[in-house]
PDB file of N, CA and C in Angstrom:
ATOM      1  N   MET A   1      41.245  -7.437  80.376  1.00  0.00           N
ATOM      2  CA  MET A   1      42.505  -8.431  80.026  1.00  0.00           C
ATOM      3  C   MET A   1      43.960  -7.433  80.823  1.00  0.00           C
ATOM      4  N   ARG A   2      43.907  -6.226  80.717  1.00  0.00           N
ATOM      5  CA  ARG A   2      45.113  -5.530  81.677  1.00  0.00           C
ATOM      6  C   ARG A   2      45.590  -6.105  82.784  1.00  0.00           C
ATOM      7  N   HIS A   3      44.871  -6.865  83.115  1.00  0.00           N
ATOM      8  CA  HIS A   3      45.165  -7.436  84.686  1.00  0.00           C
ATOM      9  C   HIS A   3      45.854  -9.053  84.291  1.00  0.00           C
ATOM     10  N   GLU A   4      45.591  -9.259  83.334  1.00  0.00           N
ATOM     11  CA  GLU A   4      45.721 -10.820  82.615  1.00  0.00           C
ATOM     12  C   GLU A   4      47.221 -10.797  82.453  1.00  0.00           C
ATOM     13  N   LEU A   5      48.076 -12.071  82.863  1.00  0.00           N
ATOM     14  CA  LEU A   5      49.587 -12.430  82.732  1.00  0.00           C
ATOM     15  C   LEU A   5      49.686 -12.327  80.830  1.00  0.00           C
ATOM     16  N   THR A   6      50.504 -11.653  80.608  1.00  0.00           N
ATOM     17  CA  THR A   6      50.782 -12.142  79.097  1.00  0.00           C
ATOM     18  C   THR A   6      51.993 -13.404  78.861  1.00  0.00           C
ATOM     19  N   PRO A   7      51.538 -14.091  78.028  1.00  0.00           N
ATOM     20  CA  PRO A   7      51.660 -15.788  77.764  1.00  0.00           C
ATOM     21  C   PRO A   7      53.470 -15.907  78.214  1.00  0.00           C
ATOM     22  N   LYS A   8      54.441 -14.947  77.753  1.00  0.00           N
ATOM     23  CA  LYS A   8      55.808 -15.661  77.864  1.00  0.00           C
ATOM     24  C   LYS A   8      56.614 -14.729  79.205  1.00  0.00           C
ATOM     25  N   GLY A   9      55.926 -13.385  79.542  1.00  0.00           N
ATOM     26  CA  GLY A   9      57.051 -12.887  80.152  1.00  0.00           C
ATOM     27  C   GLY A   9      56.021 -12.885  81.819  1.00  0.00           C
ATOM     28  N   ALA A  10      55.056 -13.298  81.514  1.00  0.00           N
ATOM     29  CA  ALA A  10      53.881 -13.599  82.912  1.00  0.00           C
ATOM     30  C   ALA A  10      54.162 -12.369  83.873  1.00  0.00           C
ATOM     31  N   ILE A  11      53.995 -11.130  82.909  1.00  0.00           N
ATOM     32  CA  ILE A  11      53.540 -10.241  83.824  1.00  0.00           C
ATOM     33  C   ILE A  11      52.084  -9.481  83.079  1.00  0.00           C
ATOM     34  N   PRO A  12      51.457  -8.802  83.940  1.00  0.00           N
ATOM     35  CA  PRO A  12      50.271  -8.425  83.481  1.00  0.00           C
ATOM     36  C   PRO A  12      50.435  -7.412  82.109  1.00  0.00           C
ATOM     37  N   TRP A  13      49.397  -7.798  81.099  1.00  0.00           N
ATOM     38  CA  TRP A  13      49.650  -7.087  80.121  1.00  0.00           C
ATOM     39  C   TRP A  13      49.372  -5.268  80.257  1.00  0.00           C
ATOM     40  N   GLU A  14      48.913  -4.707  81.415  1.00  0.00           N
ATOM     41  CA  GLU A  14      49.011  -3.362  81.337  1.00  0.00           C
ATOM     42  C   GLU A  14      50.996  -2.981  81.728  1.00  0.00           C
ATOM     43  N   ASP A  15      51.589  -3.681  82.274  1.00  0.00           N
ATOM     44  CA  ASP A  15      52.583  -3.589  82.406  1.00  0.00           C
ATOM     45  C   ASP A  15      53.626  -3.392  81.313  1.00  0.00           C
ATOM     46  N   TRP A  16      53.275  -4.710  80.332  1.00  0.00           N
ATOM     47  CA  TRP A  16      53.912  -4.994  79.056  1.00  0.00           C
ATOM     48  C   TRP A  16      53.648  -3.563  78.242  1.00  0.00           C
ATOM     49  N   PHE A  17      52.370  -3.127  78.202  1.00  0.00           N
ATOM     50  CA  PHE A  17      51.960  -2.276  77.465  1.00  0.00           C
ATOM     51  C   PHE A  17      52.569  -0.704  77.611  1.00  0.00           C
ATOM     52  N   GLN A  18      52.511  -0.573  79.276  1.00  0.00           N
ATOM     53  CA  GLN A  18      53.588   0.453  79.540  1.00  0.00           C
ATOM     54  C   GLN A  18      55.206   0.560  79.401  1.00  0.00           C
ATOM     55  N   ASN A  19      55.567  -0.324  79.156  1.00  0.00           N
ATOM     56  CA  ASN A  19      57.194  -0.906  78.930  1.00  0.00           C
ATOM     57  C   ASN A  19      57.133  -1.014  77.482  1.00  0.00           C
ATOM     58  N   HIS A  20      56.100  -0.921  76.623  1.00  0.00           N
ATOM     59  CA  HIS A  20      56.372  -1.188  75.018  1.00  0.00           C
ATOM     60  C   HIS A  20      56.246   0.335  74.528  1.00  0.00           C
ATOM     61  N   THR A  21      55.478   1.099  75.378  1.00  0.00           N
ATOM     62  CA  THR A  21      54.914   2.313  74.239  1.00  0.00           C
ATOM     63  C   THR A  21      55.036   3.559  75.458  1.00  0.00           C
ATOM     64  N   ALA A  22      55.650   3.487  76.766  1.00  0.00           N
ATOM     65  CA  ALA A  22      56.414   4.620  77.611  1.00  0.00           C
ATOM     66  C   ALA A  22      54.972   5.649  78.088  1.00  0.00           C
ATOM     67  N   MET A  23      53.712   4.967  78.193  1.00  0.00           N
ATOM     68  CA  MET A  23      52.623   5.509  78.709  1.00  0.00           C
ATOM     69  C   MET A  23      51.642   4.447  79.036  1.00  0.00           C
ATOM     70  N   THR A  24      50.844   4.556  80.108  1.00  0.00           N
ATOM     71  CA  THR A  24      50.267   3.369  80.514  1.00  0.00           C
ATOM     72  C   THR A  24      48.797   3.612  79.816  1.00  0.00           C
ATOM     73  N   LEU A  25      47.976   2.719  79.684  1.00  0.00           N
ATOM     74  CA  LEU A  25      46.926   2.105  79.247  1.00  0.00           C
ATOM     75  C   LEU A  25      45.641   3.091  79.602  1.00  0.00           C
ATOM     76  N   ASP A  26      45.804   3.682  80.622  1.00  0.00           N
ATOM     77  CA  ASP A  26      44.851   4.965  80.632  1.00  0.00           C
ATOM     78  C   ASP A  26      45.017   6.495  80.032  1.00  0.00           C
ATOM     79  N   GLU A  27      46.470   6.452  80.078  1.00  0.00           N
ATOM     80  CA  GLU A  27      47.106   7.484  79.390  1.00  0.00           C
ATOM     81  C   GLU A  27      46.806   7.451  77.867  1.00  0.00           C
ATOM     82  N   PHE A  28      46.995   6.418  77.539  1.00  0.00           N
ATOM     83  CA  PHE A  28      46.657   6.028  76.029  1.00  0.00           C
ATOM     84  C   PHE A  28      45.320   6.109  75.685  1.00  0.00           C
ATOM     85  N   VAL A  29      44.263   5.846  76.433  1.00  0.00           N
ATOM     86  CA  VAL A  29      42.806   5.910  76.029  1.00  0.00           C
ATOM     87  C   VAL A  29      42.912   7.198  75.837  1.00  0.00           C
ATOM     88  N   ILE A  30      42.985   8.093  76.938  1.00  0.00           N
ATOM     89  CA  ILE A  30      42.913   9.502  77.255  1.00  0.00           C
ATOM     90  C   ILE A  30      43.659  10.025  75.569  1.00  0.00           C
ATOM     91  N   TRP A  31      44.601   9.823  75.114  1.00  0.00           N
ATOM     92  CA  TRP A  31      45.292  10.443  73.986  1.00  0.00           C
ATOM     93  C   TRP A  31      44.574   9.682  72.781  1.00  0.00           C
ATOM     94  N   SER A  32      44.430   8.436  72.783  1.00  0.00           N
ATOM     95  CA  SER A  32      44.095   8.134  71.494  1.00  0.00           C
ATOM     96  C   SER A  32      42.719   8.580  71.090  1.00  0.00           C
ATOM     97  N   ASN A  33      41.701   8.872  72.407  1.00  0.00           N
ATOM     98  CA  ASN A  33      40.362   9.626  72.027  1.00  0.00           C
ATOM     99  C   ASN A  33      40.902  11.335  71.484  1.00  0.00           C
ATOM    100  N   GLU A  34      41.851  11.662  71.987  1.00  0.00           N
ATOM    101  CA  GLU A  34      41.835  13.054  71.404  1.00  0.00           C
ATOM    102  C   GLU A  34      42.556  13.328  69.977  1.00  0.00           C
ATOM    103  N   GLN A  35      43.006  12.044  69.737  1.00  0.00           N
ATOM    104  CA  GLN A  35      43.793  11.647  68.194  1.00  0.00           C
ATOM    105  C   GLN A  35      42.803  11.242  67.372  1.00  0.00           C
ATOM    106  N   ARG A  36      41.424  10.819  67.813  1.00  0.00           N
ATOM    107  CA  ARG A  36      40.668  10.140  67.270  1.00  0.00           C
ATOM    108  C   ARG A  36      41.045   8.870  66.347  1.00  0.00           C
ATOM    109  N   LEU A  37      41.811   8.085  67.401  1.00  0.00           N
ATOM    110  CA  LEU A  37      42.345   6.960  66.418  1.00  0.00           C
ATOM    111  C   LEU A  37      41.612   5.592  66.427  1.00  0.00           C
ATOM    112  N   ARG A  38      40.243   5.784  67.433  1.00  0.00           N
ATOM    113  CA  ARG A  38      39.200   4.821  66.624  1.00  0.00           C
ATOM    114  C   ARG A  38      38.534   5.177  64.913  1.00  0.00           C
ATOM    115  N   GLU A  39      38.503   6.428  64.924  1.00  0.00           N
ATOM    116  CA  GLU A  39      38.064   6.855  63.372  1.00  0.00           C
ATOM    117  C   GLU A  39      38.983   6.690  62.705  1.00  0.00           C
ATOM    118  N   LYS A  40      40.213   6.857  62.555  1.00  0.00           N
ATOM    119  CA  LYS A  40      41.302   6.729  61.822  1.00  0.00           C
ATOM    120  C   LYS A  40      41.462   5.286  61.596  1.00  0.00           C
ATOM    121  N   PHE A  41      41.375   4.107  62.769  1.00  0.00           N
ATOM    122  CA  PHE A  41      41.922   2.835  62.512  1.00  0.00           C
ATOM    123  C   PHE A  41      40.660   1.926  62.552  1.00  0.00           C
ATOM    124  N   LYS A  42      39.347   2.359  62.281  1.00  0.00           N
ATOM    125  CA  LYS A  42      38.134   1.772  62.361  1.00  0.00           C
ATOM    126  C   LYS A  42      38.287   0.241  61.467  1.00  0.00           C
ATOM    127  N   ASN A  43      39.218   0.408  60.309  1.00  0.00           N
ATOM    128  CA  ASN A  43      39.110  -0.719  59.675  1.00  0.00           C
ATOM    129  C   ASN A  43      40.078  -1.750  60.006  1.00  0.00           C
ATOM    130  N   VAL A  44      40.995  -1.481  60.916  1.00  0.00           N
ATOM    131  CA  VAL A  44      41.691  -2.341  61.613  1.00  0.00           C
ATOM    132  C   VAL A  44      40.983  -3.256  62.967  1.00  0.00           C
ATOM    133  N   LYS A  45      40.984  -4.609  62.828  1.00  0.00           N
ATOM    134  CA  LYS A  45      40.191  -5.269  63.440  1.00  0.00           C
ATOM    135  C   LYS A  45      40.466  -5.612  65.178  1.00  0.00           C
ATOM    136  N   HIS A  46      41.772  -5.567  65.019  1.00  0.00           N
ATOM    137  CA  HIS A  46      42.391  -6.075  66.234  1.00  0.00           C
ATOM    138  C   HIS A  46      43.322  -5.226  67.080  1.00  0.00           C
ATOM    139  N   ALA A  47      42.945  -5.131  68.278  1.00  0.00           N
ATOM    140  CA  ALA A  47      43.518  -3.815  68.935  1.00  0.00           C
ATOM    141  C   ALA A  47      44.974  -3.874  68.809  1.00  0.00           C
ATOM    142  N   LYS A  48      45.525  -4.762  68.791  1.00  0.00           N
ATOM    143  CA  LYS A  48      47.141  -5.256  68.820  1.00  0.00           C
ATOM    144  C   LYS A  48      47.323  -4.512  67.283  1.00  0.00           C
ATOM    145  N   HIS A  49      46.782  -5.302  66.496  1.00  0.00           N
ATOM    146  CA  HIS A  49      47.252  -4.460  65.072  1.00  0.00           C
ATOM    147  C   HIS A  49      47.089  -3.183  65.057  1.00  0.00           C
ATOM    148  N   ARG A  50      46.113  -2.185  65.794  1.00  0.00           N
ATOM    149  CA  ARG A  50      45.980  -0.842  65.991  1.00  0.00           C
ATOM    150  C   ARG A  50      47.352  -0.103  66.664  1.00  0.00           C
ATOM    151  N   ILE A  51      47.815  -0.980  67.629  1.00  0.00           N
ATOM    152  CA  ILE A  51      49.134  -0.645  68.321  1.00  0.00           C
ATOM    153  C   ILE A  51      50.070  -0.614  67.307  1.00  0.00           C
ATOM    154  N   VAL A  52      50.204  -1.733  66.459  1.00  0.00           N
ATOM    155  CA  VAL A  52      51.507  -1.558  65.634  1.00  0.00           C
ATOM    156  C   VAL A  52      51.293  -0.466  64.260  1.00  0.00           C
ATOM    157  N   VAL A  53      50.019  -0.229  63.942  1.00  0.00           N
ATOM    158  CA  VAL A  53      50.007   0.704  62.996  1.00  0.00           C
ATOM    159  C   VAL A  53      50.363   2.172  63.939  1.00  0.00           C
ATOM    160  N   ALA A  54      49.830   2.106  64.883  1.00  0.00           N
ATOM    161  CA  ALA A  54      50.250   4.084  65.326  1.00  0.00           C
ATOM    162  C   ALA A  54      51.996   3.649  65.858  1.00  0.00           C
ATOM    163  N   GLN A  55      52.243   2.878  66.343  1.00  0.00           N
ATOM    164  CA  GLN A  55      53.883   2.699  66.354  1.00  0.00           C
ATOM    165  C   GLN A  55      54.652   3.007  65.124  1.00  0.00           C
ATOM    166  N   LYS A  56      54.066   2.254  64.024  1.00  0.00           N
ATOM    167  CA  LYS A  56      54.770   2.652  62.384  1.00  0.00           C
ATOM    168  C   LYS A  56      54.675   4.349  62.169  1.00  0.00           C
ATOM    169  N   GLU A  57      53.506   4.720  62.431  1.00  0.00           N
ATOM    170  CA  GLU A  57      53.158   5.819  62.231  1.00  0.00           C
ATOM    171  C   GLU A  57      53.904   6.947  62.774  1.00  0.00           C
ATOM    172  N   LYS A  58      54.580   6.427  64.501  1.00  0.00           N
ATOM    173  CA  LYS A  58      55.427   7.143  65.351  1.00  0.00           C
ATOM    174  C   LYS A  58      54.576   8.165  66.422  1.00  0.00           C
ATOM    175  N   LEU A  59      53.284   7.376  65.982  1.00  0.00           N
ATOM    176  CA  LEU A  59      52.076   8.087  67.150  1.00  0.00           C
ATOM    177  C   LEU A  59      52.131   8.007  68.541  1.00  0.00           C
ATOM    178  N   ILE A  60      52.874   6.608  68.793  1.00  0.00           N
ATOM    179  CA  ILE A  60      53.100   6.190  69.778  1.00  0.00           C
ATOM    180  C   ILE A  60      54.475   5.815  70.130  1.00  0.00           C
ATOM    181  N   GLY A  61      55.217   5.443  71.305  1.00  0.00           N
ATOM    182  CA  GLY A  61      56.576   5.070  71.147  1.00  0.00           C
ATOM    183  C   GLY A  61      56.648   3.711  71.093  1.00  0.00           C
ATOM    184  N   ARG A  62      57.652   3.269  70.884  1.00  0.00           N
ATOM    185  CA  ARG A  62      58.045   1.785  70.955  1.00  0.00           C
ATOM    186  C   ARG A  62      59.392   1.567  71.567  1.00  0.00           C
ATOM    187  N   GLU A  63      59.712   0.126  72.224  1.00  0.00           N
ATOM    188  CA  GLU A  63      60.922  -0.181  72.841  1.00  0.00           C
ATOM    189  C   GLU A  63      61.887   0.020  71.861  1.00  0.00           C
ATOM    190  N   GLY A  64      62.789   0.200  72.876  1.00  0.00           N
ATOM    191  CA  GLY A  64      64.031  -0.069  72.051  1.00  0.00           C
ATOM    192  C   GLY A  64      64.933   1.208  71.858  1.00  0.00           C
TER     193      GLY A  64
END
């Protein structure tokens, strides 16, 4: 999915993620494993919602 284009911006999801979180997908994978986010958010079914929850908890950056 990282190389597919976003519906609105027509940029790859990988670029969209980096623009909105200030980290690459690969950096996020390493960081999320260190933080055990998979365990923390195991009841949240969709990756998009996990990112939103992490942003709200200020675990990762957000645009703006």
